[in-house]
Amino acid sequence: METKDLFPDEFFKQFKTGDDPQNFLKDLQKRGIEKLLEGELDAHLDYSKHDLRKDENTLNGYSTKKIKTSYGEEQIKVPRDRDSSFNPMGTVS
C-alpha cells in the first residue's frame, strides 16, 4: 500500500493552517511511540492487556517520561509492570 492511499483527500481538508499538519504528525508520533511501548510490554509479559495473565507479573499502570523527538520535547506515557522488570528495548531509555 502506498502512503497516498492511507488518507483520502477529504482528510486533508480539516487542516486550516500550516501548523495543523505539524500538530497532527506530532500527535501521531506520540501515540505511535506509546503503542509501541504497550506492545513491547505485552511481549515482555507474554500476554495482551485484556487476556488472562500467565503469572503474577502484570501491567501496573503508567509513568510519564519526557523525550526529544523531531517535533520537539514530548511527554509520553510509559507502561510499567508490577515487578519492575520491564525495560523498553530501543524506543525509550
Protein backbone atom coordinates (compact mmCIF):
# COMPACT_ATOMS: atom_id res chain seq x y z
CA MET A 1 0.00 0.00 0.00
CA GLU A 2 1.28 3.42 -0.89
CA THR A 3 1.21 6.24 1.65
CA LYS A 4 -1.01 8.31 -0.65
CA ASP A 5 -3.67 5.61 -0.22
CA LEU A 6 -3.70 5.80 3.59
CA PHE A 7 -5.71 9.02 3.80
CA PRO A 8 -8.44 10.18 1.42
CA ASP A 9 -8.22 13.72 0.06
CA GLU A 10 -11.14 14.70 2.31
CA PHE A 11 -8.96 14.02 5.36
CA PHE A 12 -6.59 16.86 4.48
CA LYS A 13 -9.39 19.42 4.23
CA GLN A 14 -9.53 19.53 8.03
CA PHE A 15 -6.18 21.32 8.14
CA LYS A 16 -6.73 25.07 8.03
CA THR A 17 -3.25 26.40 8.88
CA GLY A 18 0.33 25.28 8.29
CA ASP A 19 0.59 24.28 11.95
CA ASP A 20 -2.33 21.85 11.77
CA PRO A 21 -0.49 19.10 9.82
CA GLN A 22 2.56 19.51 12.07
CA ASN A 23 0.41 19.13 15.20
CA PHE A 24 -1.28 16.08 13.69
CA LEU A 25 2.10 14.47 12.92
CA LYS A 26 3.39 15.30 16.40
CA ASP A 27 0.34 13.64 18.00
CA LEU A 28 0.61 10.68 15.64
CA GLN A 29 4.26 10.17 16.56
CA LYS A 30 3.46 10.36 20.29
CA ARG A 31 0.61 7.82 20.01
CA GLY A 32 2.79 5.56 17.89
CA ILE A 33 5.59 5.54 20.47
CA GLU A 34 3.12 4.85 23.30
CA LYS A 35 1.51 1.97 21.38
CA LEU A 36 4.93 0.50 20.56
CA LEU A 37 5.78 0.56 24.26
CA GLU A 38 2.49 -1.14 25.13
CA GLY A 39 3.21 -3.83 22.55
CA GLU A 40 6.71 -4.28 23.95
CA LEU A 41 5.27 -4.74 27.45
CA ASP A 42 2.71 -7.24 26.12
CA ALA A 43 5.60 -9.26 24.63
CA HIS A 44 7.55 -8.97 27.91
CA LEU A 45 4.57 -10.20 29.94
CA ASP A 46 3.67 -12.78 27.25
CA TYR A 47 0.01 -11.73 27.17
CA SER A 48 -2.08 -8.78 25.98
CA LYS A 49 -3.71 -6.25 28.29
CA HIS A 50 -7.16 -7.87 28.25
CA ASP A 51 -6.06 -11.54 28.12
CA LEU A 52 -5.82 -13.81 31.13
CA ARG A 53 -2.47 -13.34 32.81
CA LYS A 54 0.05 -16.16 32.79
CA ASP A 55 1.90 -15.31 36.01
CA GLU A 56 1.96 -12.79 38.84
CA ASN A 57 3.72 -10.04 36.88
CA THR A 58 1.04 -7.79 35.38
CA LEU A 59 0.52 -4.35 33.91
CA ASN A 60 0.78 -1.85 36.75
CA GLY A 61 -0.24 1.48 35.28
CA TYR A 62 1.89 4.09 33.57
CA SER A 63 4.58 6.57 34.38
CA THR A 64 5.43 9.65 32.33
CA LYS A 65 8.66 10.46 30.60
CA LYS A 66 9.88 13.42 28.59
CA ILE A 67 11.54 12.55 25.31
CA LYS A 68 13.06 14.59 22.49
CA THR A 69 11.60 13.97 19.06
CA SER A 70 11.92 15.58 15.65
CA TYR A 71 8.90 17.69 16.69
CA GLY A 72 10.46 18.86 19.95
CA GLU A 73 10.13 17.71 23.53
CA GLU A 74 7.14 15.50 24.27
CA GLN A 75 5.75 13.85 27.40
CA ILE A 76 4.67 10.25 26.88
CA LYS A 77 3.04 7.55 29.00
CA VAL A 78 5.32 4.55 29.59
CA PRO A 79 3.62 1.33 30.76
CA ARG A 80 5.11 -0.44 33.77
CA ASP A 81 4.82 -3.92 35.19
CA ARG A 82 4.24 -4.99 38.76
CA ASP A 83 7.73 -6.38 39.41
CA SER A 84 9.55 -3.57 37.53
CA SER A 85 11.36 -5.96 35.21
CA PHE A 86 10.14 -4.23 32.01
CA ASN A 87 12.88 -2.20 30.34
CA PRO A 88 11.95 -0.77 26.92
CA MET A 89 14.48 -2.05 24.41
CA GLY A 90 15.10 0.71 21.92
CA THR A 91 12.21 3.10 21.90
CA VAL A 92 12.72 4.91 25.20
CA SER A 93 15.59 4.65 27.63
